[in-house]
Amino acid sequence: MRDHNYFVYILTNIKRSVLYTGVTNDLSARLEEHKNGSKQTSFTSRYKCYYLVYFEHHQYIDQAIDREKEIKGWSRAKKDALISAENKDWKFLNDED
């Protein structure tokens, strides 16, 4: 059986004032797209959300999408708590994925 890799991730800006939640099957490539993408009107471009502060791995895409939707529905405080539980200092994980 083939292993499947899907990631739910949260990005922030340099001031950590904005959060973006997404899902992908290639985290490194997706981070590069966010940072160097040509869509100047995208949320991540507009708010400069390029810094990975949280991610989780899922084997199945349905689970990853459901989790992304769940997190997107949360309050900012709940998202902050999720990030802080795994990344207490909110270090940028871009080079660690």
PDB file of N, CA and C in Angstrom:
ATOM      1  N   MET A   1       0.838  -1.189   0.000  1.00  0.00           N
ATOM      2  CA  MET A   1       0.000   0.000   0.000  1.00  0.00           C
ATOM      3  C   MET A   1       0.880   1.249   0.000  1.00  0.00           C
ATOM      4  N   ARG A   2       0.562   2.167  -0.835  1.00  0.00           N
ATOM      5  CA  ARG A   2       1.314   3.411  -0.962  1.00  0.00           C
ATOM      6  C   ARG A   2       1.027   4.344   0.210  1.00  0.00           C
ATOM      7  N   ASP A   3       2.076   4.954   0.721  1.00  0.00           N
ATOM      8  CA  ASP A   3       1.896   5.952   1.775  1.00  0.00           C
ATOM      9  C   ASP A   3       1.411   7.248   1.154  1.00  0.00           C
ATOM     10  N   HIS A   4       0.481   7.874   1.804  1.00  0.00           N
ATOM     11  CA  HIS A   4      -0.033   9.163   1.354  1.00  0.00           C
ATOM     12  C   HIS A   4       0.341  10.200   2.392  1.00  0.00           C
ATOM     13  N   ASN A   5       0.712  11.351   1.921  1.00  0.00           N
ATOM     14  CA  ASN A   5       1.119  12.420   2.815  1.00  0.00           C
ATOM     15  C   ASN A   5       0.320  13.674   2.510  1.00  0.00           C
ATOM     16  N   TYR A   6      -0.450  14.082   3.478  1.00  0.00           N
ATOM     17  CA  TYR A   6      -1.211  15.316   3.377  1.00  0.00           C
ATOM     18  C   TYR A   6      -0.938  16.112   4.641  1.00  0.00           C
ATOM     19  N   PHE A   7      -0.871  17.402   4.490  1.00  0.00           N
ATOM     20  CA  PHE A   7      -0.536  18.261   5.609  1.00  0.00           C
ATOM     21  C   PHE A   7      -1.554  19.369   5.754  1.00  0.00           C
ATOM     22  N   VAL A   8      -1.967  19.611   6.980  1.00  0.00           N
ATOM     23  CA  VAL A   8      -2.722  20.801   7.343  1.00  0.00           C
ATOM     24  C   VAL A   8      -1.689  21.713   7.988  1.00  0.00           C
ATOM     25  N   TYR A   9      -1.682  22.968   7.577  1.00  0.00           N
ATOM     26  CA  TYR A   9      -0.628  23.859   8.046  1.00  0.00           C
ATOM     27  C   TYR A   9      -1.202  25.235   8.360  1.00  0.00           C
ATOM     28  N   ILE A  10      -0.476  25.943   9.206  1.00  0.00           N
ATOM     29  CA  ILE A  10      -0.847  27.316   9.546  1.00  0.00           C
ATOM     30  C   ILE A  10       0.362  28.210   9.300  1.00  0.00           C
ATOM     31  N   LEU A  11       0.110  29.275   8.551  1.00  0.00           N
ATOM     32  CA  LEU A  11       1.124  30.290   8.269  1.00  0.00           C
ATOM     33  C   LEU A  11       0.765  31.576   8.998  1.00  0.00           C
ATOM     34  N   THR A  12       1.772  32.400   9.215  1.00  0.00           N
ATOM     35  CA  THR A  12       1.559  33.716   9.796  1.00  0.00           C
ATOM     36  C   THR A  12       2.464  34.722   9.098  1.00  0.00           C
ATOM     37  N   ASN A  13       2.294  35.981   9.441  1.00  0.00           N
ATOM     38  CA  ASN A  13       3.178  37.018   8.918  1.00  0.00           C
ATOM     39  C   ASN A  13       4.300  37.268   9.925  1.00  0.00           C
ATOM     40  N   ILE A  14       5.215  38.152   9.584  1.00  0.00           N
ATOM     41  CA  ILE A  14       6.391  38.392  10.419  1.00  0.00           C
ATOM     42  C   ILE A  14       6.012  38.874  11.829  1.00  0.00           C
ATOM     43  N   LYS A  15       4.902  39.608  11.947  1.00  0.00           N
ATOM     44  CA  LYS A  15       4.462  40.118  13.252  1.00  0.00           C
ATOM     45  C   LYS A  15       3.564  39.126  13.994  1.00  0.00           C
ATOM     46  N   ARG A  16       3.253  38.022  13.338  1.00  0.00           N
ATOM     47  CA  ARG A  16       2.395  36.977  13.911  1.00  0.00           C
ATOM     48  C   ARG A  16       0.980  37.492  14.206  1.00  0.00           C
ATOM     49  N   SER A  17       0.528  38.439  13.402  1.00  0.00           N
ATOM     50  CA  SER A  17      -0.779  39.051  13.641  1.00  0.00           C
ATOM     51  C   SER A  17      -1.892  38.478  12.771  1.00  0.00           C
ATOM     52  N   VAL A  18      -1.542  37.703  11.742  1.00  0.00           N
ATOM     53  CA  VAL A  18      -2.516  37.127  10.821  1.00  0.00           C
ATOM     54  C   VAL A  18      -2.223  35.641  10.694  1.00  0.00           C
ATOM     55  N   LEU A  19      -3.275  34.823  10.610  1.00  0.00           N
ATOM     56  CA  LEU A  19      -3.104  33.384  10.426  1.00  0.00           C
ATOM     57  C   LEU A  19      -3.791  32.932   9.146  1.00  0.00           C
ATOM     58  N   TYR A  20      -3.169  31.974   8.481  1.00  0.00           N
ATOM     59  CA  TYR A  20      -3.741  31.350   7.280  1.00  0.00           C
ATOM     60  C   TYR A  20      -3.642  29.846   7.463  1.00  0.00           C
ATOM     61  N   THR A  21      -4.729  29.137   7.247  1.00  0.00           N
ATOM     62  CA  THR A  21      -4.758  27.680   7.359  1.00  0.00           C
ATOM     63  C   THR A  21      -4.966  27.078   5.983  1.00  0.00           C
ATOM     64  N   GLY A  22      -4.184  26.062   5.662  1.00  0.00           N
ATOM     65  CA  GLY A  22      -4.293  25.415   4.363  1.00  0.00           C
ATOM     66  C   GLY A  22      -4.038  23.927   4.447  1.00  0.00           C
ATOM     67  N   VAL A  23      -4.185  23.256   3.301  1.00  0.00           N
ATOM     68  CA  VAL A  23      -3.934  21.820   3.199  1.00  0.00           C
ATOM     69  C   VAL A  23      -3.174  21.566   1.900  1.00  0.00           C
ATOM     70  N   THR A  24      -2.257  20.601   1.924  1.00  0.00           N
ATOM     71  CA  THR A  24      -1.449  20.292   0.751  1.00  0.00           C
ATOM     72  C   THR A  24      -0.909  18.872   0.846  1.00  0.00           C
ATOM     73  N   ASN A  25      -0.436  18.355  -0.291  1.00  0.00           N
ATOM     74  CA  ASN A  25       0.229  17.051  -0.264  1.00  0.00           C
ATOM     75  C   ASN A  25       1.747  17.203  -0.395  1.00  0.00           C
ATOM     76  N   ASP A  26       2.233  18.434  -0.562  1.00  0.00           N
ATOM     77  CA  ASP A  26       3.665  18.704  -0.642  1.00  0.00           C
ATOM     78  C   ASP A  26       3.937  20.011   0.089  1.00  0.00           C
ATOM     79  N   LEU A  27       4.280  19.905   1.355  1.00  0.00           N
ATOM     80  CA  LEU A  27       4.403  21.087   2.206  1.00  0.00           C
ATOM     81  C   LEU A  27       5.524  22.012   1.733  1.00  0.00           C
ATOM     82  N   SER A  28       6.673  21.475   1.415  1.00  0.00           N
ATOM     83  CA  SER A  28       7.794  22.321   0.972  1.00  0.00           C
ATOM     84  C   SER A  28       7.442  23.102  -0.289  1.00  0.00           C
ATOM     85  N   ALA A  29       6.875  22.424  -1.263  1.00  0.00           N
ATOM     86  CA  ALA A  29       6.501  23.097  -2.518  1.00  0.00           C
ATOM     87  C   ALA A  29       5.426  24.149  -2.271  1.00  0.00           C
ATOM     88  N   ARG A  30       4.476  23.834  -1.410  1.00  0.00           N
ATOM     89  CA  ARG A  30       3.384  24.781  -1.142  1.00  0.00           C
ATOM     90  C   ARG A  30       3.903  26.032  -0.443  1.00  0.00           C
ATOM     91  N   LEU A  31       4.830  25.863   0.486  1.00  0.00           N
ATOM     92  CA  LEU A  31       5.419  27.023   1.157  1.00  0.00           C
ATOM     93  C   LEU A  31       6.139  27.912   0.153  1.00  0.00           C
ATOM     94  N   GLU A  32       6.837  27.300  -0.773  1.00  0.00           N
ATOM     95  CA  GLU A  32       7.522  28.051  -1.824  1.00  0.00           C
ATOM     96  C   GLU A  32       6.519  28.801  -2.693  1.00  0.00           C
ATOM     97  N   GLU A  33       5.407  28.157  -3.032  1.00  0.00           N
ATOM     98  CA  GLU A  33       4.362  28.812  -3.822  1.00  0.00           C
ATOM     99  C   GLU A  33       3.791  30.031  -3.095  1.00  0.00           C
ATOM    100  N   HIS A  34       3.561  29.870  -1.790  1.00  0.00           N
ATOM    101  CA  HIS A  34       3.028  31.003  -1.024  1.00  0.00           C
ATOM    102  C   HIS A  34       4.005  32.173  -1.054  1.00  0.00           C
ATOM    103  N   LYS A  35       5.269  31.883  -0.867  1.00  0.00           N
ATOM    104  CA  LYS A  35       6.258  32.948  -0.781  1.00  0.00           C
ATOM    105  C   LYS A  35       6.557  33.582  -2.134  1.00  0.00           C
ATOM    106  N   ASN A  36       6.619  32.786  -3.171  1.00  0.00           N
ATOM    107  CA  ASN A  36       7.035  33.284  -4.479  1.00  0.00           C
ATOM    108  C   ASN A  36       5.932  33.242  -5.526  1.00  0.00           C
ATOM    109  N   GLY A  37       4.716  33.003  -5.095  1.00  0.00           N
ATOM    110  CA  GLY A  37       3.610  32.895  -6.031  1.00  0.00           C
ATOM    111  C   GLY A  37       3.335  34.181  -6.772  1.00  0.00           C
ATOM    112  N   SER A  38       2.722  34.045  -7.912  1.00  0.00           N
ATOM    113  CA  SER A  38       2.454  35.220  -8.744  1.00  0.00           C
ATOM    114  C   SER A  38       1.096  35.854  -8.460  1.00  0.00           C
ATOM    115  N   LYS A  39       0.288  35.243  -7.628  1.00  0.00           N
ATOM    116  CA  LYS A  39      -1.042  35.786  -7.334  1.00  0.00           C
ATOM    117  C   LYS A  39      -0.936  36.895  -6.289  1.00  0.00           C
ATOM    118  N   GLN A  40      -0.794  38.107  -6.746  1.00  0.00           N
ATOM    119  CA  GLN A  40      -0.650  39.241  -5.834  1.00  0.00           C
ATOM    120  C   GLN A  40      -1.928  39.522  -5.053  1.00  0.00           C
ATOM    121  N   THR A  41      -3.040  38.959  -5.508  1.00  0.00           N
ATOM    122  CA  THR A  41      -4.306  39.201  -4.828  1.00  0.00           C
ATOM    123  C   THR A  41      -4.646  38.107  -3.818  1.00  0.00           C
ATOM    124  N   SER A  42      -3.797  37.115  -3.687  1.00  0.00           N
ATOM    125  CA  SER A  42      -4.097  36.029  -2.750  1.00  0.00           C
ATOM    126  C   SER A  42      -3.978  36.530  -1.308  1.00  0.00           C
ATOM    127  N   PHE A  43      -4.639  35.844  -0.417  1.00  0.00           N
ATOM    128  CA  PHE A  43      -4.615  36.216   1.000  1.00  0.00           C
ATOM    129  C   PHE A  43      -3.187  36.227   1.533  1.00  0.00           C
ATOM    130  N   THR A  44      -2.430  35.160   1.234  1.00  0.00           N
ATOM    131  CA  THR A  44      -1.072  35.075   1.772  1.00  0.00           C
ATOM    132  C   THR A  44      -0.166  36.168   1.213  1.00  0.00           C
ATOM    133  N   SER A  45      -0.354  36.548  -0.045  1.00  0.00           N
ATOM    134  CA  SER A  45       0.436  37.645  -0.618  1.00  0.00           C
ATOM    135  C   SER A  45       0.039  38.980  -0.007  1.00  0.00           C
ATOM    136  N   ARG A  46      -1.250  39.199   0.095  1.00  0.00           N
ATOM    137  CA  ARG A  46      -1.752  40.469   0.625  1.00  0.00           C
ATOM    138  C   ARG A  46      -1.285  40.703   2.055  1.00  0.00           C
ATOM    139  N   TYR A  47      -1.303  39.649   2.875  1.00  0.00           N
ATOM    140  CA  TYR A  47      -0.947  39.792   4.291  1.00  0.00           C
ATOM    141  C   TYR A  47       0.441  39.263   4.617  1.00  0.00           C
ATOM    142  N   LYS A  48       1.197  38.876   3.587  1.00  0.00           N
ATOM    143  CA  LYS A  48       2.565  38.399   3.736  1.00  0.00           C
ATOM    144  C   LYS A  48       2.669  37.239   4.737  1.00  0.00           C
ATOM    145  N   CYS A  49       1.770  36.297   4.591  1.00  0.00           N
ATOM    146  CA  CYS A  49       1.759  35.093   5.434  1.00  0.00           C
ATOM    147  C   CYS A  49       2.611  34.017   4.777  1.00  0.00           C
ATOM    148  N   TYR A  50       3.877  33.997   5.111  1.00  0.00           N
ATOM    149  CA  TYR A  50       4.811  33.053   4.510  1.00  0.00           C
ATOM    150  C   TYR A  50       5.477  32.154   5.546  1.00  0.00           C
ATOM    151  N   TYR A  51       5.206  32.374   6.809  1.00  0.00           N
ATOM    152  CA  TYR A  51       5.968  31.738   7.877  1.00  0.00           C
ATOM    153  C   TYR A  51       5.180  30.602   8.527  1.00  0.00           C
ATOM    154  N   LEU A  52       5.698  29.409   8.398  1.00  0.00           N
ATOM    155  CA  LEU A  52       5.058  28.209   8.929  1.00  0.00           C
ATOM    156  C   LEU A  52       5.245  28.155  10.440  1.00  0.00           C
ATOM    157  N   VAL A  53       4.130  28.073  11.180  1.00  0.00           N
ATOM    158  CA  VAL A  53       4.213  27.969  12.636  1.00  0.00           C
ATOM    159  C   VAL A  53       3.587  26.686  13.168  1.00  0.00           C
ATOM    160  N   TYR A  54       2.879  25.962  12.289  1.00  0.00           N
ATOM    161  CA  TYR A  54       2.221  24.725  12.725  1.00  0.00           C
ATOM    162  C   TYR A  54       1.917  23.868  11.508  1.00  0.00           C
ATOM    163  N   PHE A  55       2.084  22.545  11.679  1.00  0.00           N
ATOM    164  CA  PHE A  55       1.602  21.609  10.663  1.00  0.00           C
ATOM    165  C   PHE A  55       1.345  20.262  11.300  1.00  0.00           C
ATOM    166  N   GLU A  56       0.481  19.508  10.663  1.00  0.00           N
ATOM    167  CA  GLU A  56       0.197  18.149  11.094  1.00  0.00           C
ATOM    168  C   GLU A  56       0.028  17.266   9.872  1.00  0.00           C
ATOM    169  N   HIS A  57       0.423  16.028  10.016  1.00  0.00           N
ATOM    170  CA  HIS A  57       0.411  15.064   8.915  1.00  0.00           C
ATOM    171  C   HIS A  57      -0.853  14.213   8.975  1.00  0.00           C
ATOM    172  N   HIS A  58      -1.407  13.918   7.794  1.00  0.00           N
ATOM    173  CA  HIS A  58      -2.554  13.019   7.670  1.00  0.00           C
ATOM    174  C   HIS A  58      -2.284  12.039   6.546  1.00  0.00           C
ATOM    175  N   GLN A  59      -2.777  10.840   6.694  1.00  0.00           N
ATOM    176  CA  GLN A  59      -2.591   9.826   5.662  1.00  0.00           C
ATOM    177  C   GLN A  59      -3.632   9.950   4.556  1.00  0.00           C
ATOM    178  N   TYR A  60      -4.808  10.427   4.896  1.00  0.00           N
ATOM    179  CA  TYR A  60      -5.906  10.480   3.928  1.00  0.00           C
ATOM    180  C   TYR A  60      -6.356  11.919   3.696  1.00  0.00           C
ATOM    181  N   ILE A  61      -6.598  12.253   2.441  1.00  0.00           N
ATOM    182  CA  ILE A  61      -6.972  13.619   2.078  1.00  0.00           C
ATOM    183  C   ILE A  61      -8.290  14.045   2.727  1.00  0.00           C
ATOM    184  N   ASP A  62      -9.241  13.128   2.835  1.00  0.00           N
ATOM    185  CA  ASP A  62     -10.521  13.480   3.460  1.00  0.00           C
ATOM    186  C   ASP A  62     -10.325  13.945   4.896  1.00  0.00           C
ATOM    187  N   GLN A  63      -9.446  13.248   5.618  1.00  0.00           N
ATOM    188  CA  GLN A  63      -9.166  13.635   7.002  1.00  0.00           C
ATOM    189  C   GLN A  63      -8.492  15.007   7.057  1.00  0.00           C
ATOM    190  N   ALA A  64      -7.561  15.232   6.143  1.00  0.00           N
ATOM    191  CA  ALA A  64      -6.853  16.513   6.114  1.00  0.00           C
ATOM    192  C   ALA A  64      -7.807  17.667   5.805  1.00  0.00           C
ATOM    193  N   ILE A  65      -8.676  17.473   4.834  1.00  0.00           N
ATOM    194  CA  ILE A  65      -9.635  18.526   4.471  1.00  0.00           C
ATOM    195  C   ILE A  65     -10.598  18.799   5.622  1.00  0.00           C
ATOM    196  N   ASP A  66     -11.083  17.737   6.263  1.00  0.00           N
ATOM    197  CA  ASP A  66     -11.985  17.921   7.408  1.00  0.00           C
ATOM    198  C   ASP A  66     -11.289  18.693   8.530  1.00  0.00           C
ATOM    199  N   ARG A  67     -10.026  18.361   8.772  1.00  0.00           N
ATOM    200  CA  ARG A  67      -9.277  19.041   9.829  1.00  0.00           C
ATOM    201  C   ARG A  67      -9.034  20.511   9.474  1.00  0.00           C
ATOM    202  N   GLU A  68      -8.703  20.777   8.217  1.00  0.00           N
ATOM    203  CA  GLU A  68      -8.512  22.155   7.775  1.00  0.00           C
ATOM    204  C   GLU A  68      -9.784  22.961   8.019  1.00  0.00           C
ATOM    205  N   LYS A  69     -10.922  22.410   7.626  1.00  0.00           N
ATOM    206  CA  LYS A  69     -12.202  23.099   7.825  1.00  0.00           C
ATOM    207  C   LYS A  69     -12.483  23.324   9.302  1.00  0.00           C
ATOM    208  N   GLU A  70     -12.169  22.324  10.119  1.00  0.00           N
ATOM    209  CA  GLU A  70     -12.379  22.446  11.563  1.00  0.00           C
ATOM    210  C   GLU A  70     -11.563  23.613  12.123  1.00  0.00           C
ATOM    211  N   ILE A  71     -10.269  23.630  11.803  1.00  0.00           N
ATOM    212  CA  ILE A  71      -9.395  24.682  12.320  1.00  0.00           C
ATOM    213  C   ILE A  71      -9.827  26.052  11.800  1.00  0.00           C
ATOM    214  N   LYS A  72     -10.199  26.145  10.536  1.00  0.00           N
ATOM    215  CA  LYS A  72     -10.638  27.426   9.974  1.00  0.00           C
ATOM    216  C   LYS A  72     -11.858  27.979  10.708  1.00  0.00           C
ATOM    217  N   GLY A  73     -12.674  27.101  11.274  1.00  0.00           N
ATOM    218  CA  GLY A  73     -13.861  27.532  11.997  1.00  0.00           C
ATOM    219  C   GLY A  73     -13.601  27.963  13.429  1.00  0.00           C
ATOM    220  N   TRP A  74     -12.394  27.760  13.896  1.00  0.00           N
ATOM    221  CA  TRP A  74     -12.056  28.097  15.275  1.00  0.00           C
ATOM    222  C   TRP A  74     -11.824  29.596  15.463  1.00  0.00           C
ATOM    223  N   SER A  75     -11.914  30.016  16.709  1.00  0.00           N
ATOM    224  CA  SER A  75     -11.570  31.391  17.079  1.00  0.00           C
ATOM    225  C   SER A  75     -10.051  31.565  17.009  1.00  0.00           C
ATOM    226  N   ARG A  76      -9.630  32.784  16.966  1.00  0.00           N
ATOM    227  CA  ARG A  76      -8.187  33.061  16.957  1.00  0.00           C
ATOM    228  C   ARG A  76      -7.532  32.509  18.222  1.00  0.00           C
ATOM    229  N   ALA A  77      -8.193  32.636  19.352  1.00  0.00           N
ATOM    230  CA  ALA A  77      -7.631  32.153  20.613  1.00  0.00           C
ATOM    231  C   ALA A  77      -7.398  30.641  20.577  1.00  0.00           C
ATOM    232  N   LYS A  78      -8.327  29.916  20.003  1.00  0.00           N
ATOM    233  CA  LYS A  78      -8.181  28.463  19.924  1.00  0.00           C
ATOM    234  C   LYS A  78      -7.047  28.074  18.967  1.00  0.00           C
ATOM    235  N   LYS A  79      -6.919  28.792  17.855  1.00  0.00           N
ATOM    236  CA  LYS A  79      -5.809  28.551  16.928  1.00  0.00           C
ATOM    237  C   LYS A  79      -4.474  28.868  17.597  1.00  0.00           C
ATOM    238  N   ASP A  80      -4.427  29.981  18.334  1.00  0.00           N
ATOM    239  CA  ASP A  80      -3.206  30.341  19.057  1.00  0.00           C
ATOM    240  C   ASP A  80      -2.810  29.244  20.037  1.00  0.00           C
ATOM    241  N   ALA A  81      -3.782  28.687  20.730  1.00  0.00           N
ATOM    242  CA  ALA A  81      -3.509  27.618  21.697  1.00  0.00           C
ATOM    243  C   ALA A  81      -2.986  26.370  21.003  1.00  0.00           C
ATOM    244  N   LEU A  82      -3.551  26.040  19.857  1.00  0.00           N
ATOM    245  CA  LEU A  82      -3.081  24.885  19.085  1.00  0.00           C
ATOM    246  C   LEU A  82      -1.620  25.069  18.678  1.00  0.00           C
ATOM    247  N   ILE A  83      -1.299  26.227  18.145  1.00  0.00           N
ATOM    248  CA  ILE A  83       0.073  26.509  17.733  1.00  0.00           C
ATOM    249  C   ILE A  83       1.002  26.471  18.942  1.00  0.00           C
ATOM    250  N   SER A  84       0.628  27.123  20.012  1.00  0.00           N
ATOM    251  CA  SER A  84       1.476  27.204  21.205  1.00  0.00           C
ATOM    252  C   SER A  84       1.715  25.846  21.853  1.00  0.00           C
ATOM    253  N   ALA A  85       0.761  24.941  21.739  1.00  0.00           N
ATOM    254  CA  ALA A  85       0.927  23.604  22.319  1.00  0.00           C
ATOM    255  C   ALA A  85       2.060  22.837  21.645  1.00  0.00           C
ATOM    256  N   GLU A  86       2.269  23.075  20.364  1.00  0.00           N
ATOM    257  CA  GLU A  86       3.311  22.376  19.611  1.00  0.00           C
ATOM    258  C   GLU A  86       4.551  23.237  19.367  1.00  0.00           C
ATOM    259  N   ASN A  87       4.380  24.535  19.376  1.00  0.00           N
ATOM    260  CA  ASN A  87       5.453  25.458  19.018  1.00  0.00           C
ATOM    261  C   ASN A  87       5.366  26.654  19.966  1.00  0.00           C
ATOM    262  N   LYS A  88       5.793  26.423  21.200  1.00  0.00           N
ATOM    263  CA  LYS A  88       5.607  27.383  22.286  1.00  0.00           C
ATOM    264  C   LYS A  88       6.082  28.797  21.942  1.00  0.00           C
ATOM    265  N   ASP A  89       7.195  28.908  21.261  1.00  0.00           N
ATOM    266  CA  ASP A  89       7.773  30.213  20.951  1.00  0.00           C
ATOM    267  C   ASP A  89       7.377  30.737  19.572  1.00  0.00           C
ATOM    268  N   TRP A  90       6.492  30.000  18.894  1.00  0.00           N
ATOM    269  CA  TRP A  90       6.033  30.377  17.553  1.00  0.00           C
ATOM    270  C   TRP A  90       7.226  30.579  16.619  1.00  0.00           C
ATOM    271  N   LYS A  91       8.195  29.678  16.701  1.00  0.00           N
ATOM    272  CA  LYS A  91       9.338  29.738  15.788  1.00  0.00           C
ATOM    273  C   LYS A  91       8.859  29.451  14.378  1.00  0.00           C
ATOM    274  N   PHE A  92       9.494  30.070  13.418  1.00  0.00           N
ATOM    275  CA  PHE A  92       9.167  29.824  12.020  1.00  0.00           C
ATOM    276  C   PHE A  92       9.803  28.500  11.602  1.00  0.00           C
ATOM    277  N   LEU A  93       8.987  27.570  11.170  1.00  0.00           N
ATOM    278  CA  LEU A  93       9.411  26.197  10.900  1.00  0.00           C
ATOM    279  C   LEU A  93       9.743  25.956   9.433  1.00  0.00           C
ATOM    280  N   ASN A  94       9.764  26.959   8.620  1.00  0.00           N
ATOM    281  CA  ASN A  94       9.934  26.796   7.183  1.00  0.00           C
ATOM    282  C   ASN A  94      11.138  25.949   6.813  1.00  0.00           C
ATOM    283  N   ASP A  95      12.230  26.109   7.498  1.00  0.00           N
ATOM    284  CA  ASP A  95      13.439  25.366   7.169  1.00  0.00           C
ATOM    285  C   ASP A  95      13.517  24.024   7.889  1.00  0.00           C
ATOM    286  N   GLU A  96      12.510  23.721   8.685  1.00  0.00           N
ATOM    287  CA  GLU A  96      12.517  22.489   9.465  1.00  0.00           C
ATOM    288  C   GLU A  96      11.548  21.446   8.955  1.00  0.00           C
ATOM    289  N   ASP A  97      10.749  21.743   7.904  1.00  0.00           N
ATOM    290  CA  ASP A  97       9.753  20.788   7.416  1.00  0.00           C
ATOM    291  C   ASP A  97      10.451  19.762   6.615  1.00  0.00           C
TER     292      ASP A  97
END
